[in-house]
């Protein structure tokens, strides 16, 4: 039996394999997807607009600082930019779950989702 969440997780796994070229940690991508709740089912909220400063500030405040518990310093912006680069700046659809996955791995905060 497949749930809508399973379908989303599958989509993000493919996204990581295709755009990042990595074999993803399935348990981690599932935990992140589940933590996002209904956001992943709303097309406007499921993706991150990398060209929007407001959007990137939201990622920093709500995910990196509040969710992952990271200190608000310049490393956050560096990390976000590095992961957007890794994801592919030219890639138009940047899924929130995939970006959060990359950021979680980058900052070594997998334990938050364990």
Protein backbone atom coordinates (compact mmCIF):
# COMPACT_ATOMS: atom_id res chain seq x y z
CA UNK A 1 0.00 0.00 0.00
CA UNK A 2 1.40 3.34 -1.07
CA UNK A 3 0.51 6.58 0.63
CA UNK A 4 0.76 10.08 -0.78
CA UNK A 5 3.75 10.61 1.52
CA UNK A 6 5.45 7.51 0.06
CA UNK A 7 4.95 8.99 -3.41
CA UNK A 8 6.57 12.26 -2.33
CA UNK A 9 9.47 10.45 -0.66
CA UNK A 10 10.00 8.48 -3.88
CA UNK A 11 10.01 11.70 -5.88
CA UNK A 12 12.61 13.29 -3.59
CA UNK A 13 14.80 10.17 -3.68
CA UNK A 14 14.79 10.36 -7.49
CA UNK A 15 15.48 14.10 -7.30
CA UNK A 16 18.58 13.54 -5.16
CA UNK A 17 19.84 10.73 -7.40
CA UNK A 18 19.31 12.71 -10.62
CA UNK A 19 20.25 16.25 -9.63
CA UNK A 20 22.78 15.68 -6.86
CA UNK A 21 24.14 12.34 -8.05
CA UNK A 22 24.04 10.73 -4.62
CA UNK A 23 22.40 7.65 -3.18
CA UNK A 24 20.17 9.23 -0.52
CA UNK A 25 19.60 8.14 3.06
CA UNK A 26 15.99 7.02 2.61
CA UNK A 27 15.13 7.08 6.33
CA UNK A 28 16.40 10.66 6.58
CA UNK A 29 14.54 11.93 3.51
CA UNK A 30 11.37 10.24 4.84
CA UNK A 31 11.75 11.87 8.28
CA UNK A 32 12.32 15.30 6.72
CA UNK A 33 9.34 14.87 4.37
CA UNK A 34 7.10 13.82 7.27
CA UNK A 35 8.34 16.74 9.39
CA UNK A 36 7.25 19.16 6.66
CA UNK A 37 3.66 17.90 6.92
CA UNK A 38 1.12 19.36 4.50
CA UNK A 39 3.70 21.71 2.94
CA UNK A 40 4.86 18.96 0.56
CA UNK A 41 1.35 18.67 -0.87
CA UNK A 42 1.05 22.36 -1.79
CA UNK A 43 2.76 23.10 -5.09
CA UNK A 44 3.65 26.68 -4.13
CA UNK A 45 5.21 25.63 -0.82
CA UNK A 46 6.77 22.33 -1.93
CA UNK A 47 9.53 24.12 -3.82
CA UNK A 48 12.02 26.76 -2.72
CA UNK A 49 12.58 29.86 -4.82
CA UNK A 50 16.35 30.15 -4.63
CA UNK A 51 16.25 33.61 -6.22
CA UNK A 52 14.07 35.00 -3.42
CA UNK A 53 15.99 36.50 -0.50
CA UNK A 54 12.83 36.26 1.64
CA UNK A 55 12.49 32.57 0.86
CA UNK A 56 16.13 31.86 1.73
CA UNK A 57 15.74 33.84 4.96
CA UNK A 58 12.73 31.62 5.80
CA UNK A 59 14.82 28.50 5.16
CA UNK A 60 17.51 29.90 7.44
CA UNK A 61 15.19 31.01 10.27
CA UNK A 62 12.60 28.23 10.28
CA UNK A 63 14.72 25.26 9.28
CA UNK A 64 18.38 25.86 10.12
CA UNK A 65 17.90 27.87 13.31
CA UNK A 66 14.55 26.65 14.71
CA UNK A 67 14.49 23.04 13.49
CA UNK A 68 18.19 22.12 13.40
CA UNK A 69 19.14 24.38 16.31
CA UNK A 70 22.06 26.02 14.54
CA UNK A 71 23.47 29.37 15.69
CA UNK A 72 22.62 32.34 13.45
CA UNK A 73 25.98 33.09 11.88
CA UNK A 74 27.58 33.48 8.47
CA UNK A 75 28.06 29.70 8.15
CA UNK A 76 24.32 29.37 7.50
CA UNK A 77 24.39 31.55 4.37
CA UNK A 78 27.56 29.80 3.19
CA UNK A 79 25.89 26.42 3.74
CA UNK A 80 22.69 27.44 1.94
CA UNK A 81 24.65 28.75 -1.05
CA UNK A 82 26.87 25.66 -1.16
CA UNK A 83 23.85 23.34 -1.12
CA UNK A 84 22.01 25.38 -3.79
CA UNK A 85 25.16 25.08 -5.90
CA UNK A 86 25.28 21.33 -5.26
CA UNK A 87 21.57 21.01 -6.11
CA UNK A 88 22.15 22.96 -9.33
CA UNK A 89 21.46 26.69 -9.51
CA UNK A 90 20.02 26.34 -13.02
CA UNK A 91 17.61 23.66 -11.85
CA UNK A 92 14.24 25.46 -11.63
CA UNK A 93 12.35 23.11 -9.31
CA UNK A 94 14.16 22.88 -6.03
CA UNK A 95 12.11 20.73 -3.72
CA UNK A 96 12.04 21.94 -0.13
CA UNK A 97 12.50 18.39 1.21
CA UNK A 98 15.55 17.83 -1.01
CA UNK A 99 17.14 21.14 -0.02
CA UNK A 100 16.44 20.47 3.67
CA UNK A 101 17.96 17.00 3.24
CA UNK A 102 21.12 18.49 1.72
CA UNK A 103 21.33 21.11 4.47
CA UNK A 104 20.80 18.50 7.19
CA UNK A 105 23.67 16.40 5.78
CA UNK A 106 25.87 19.46 5.22
CA UNK A 107 25.52 20.62 8.83
CA UNK A 108 25.72 17.03 10.14
CA UNK A 109 22.40 17.34 12.00
CA UNK A 110 20.89 13.98 11.01
CA UNK A 111 20.33 13.28 14.72
CA UNK A 112 17.48 15.85 14.73
CA UNK A 113 15.47 13.44 12.58
CA UNK A 114 16.58 10.17 14.18
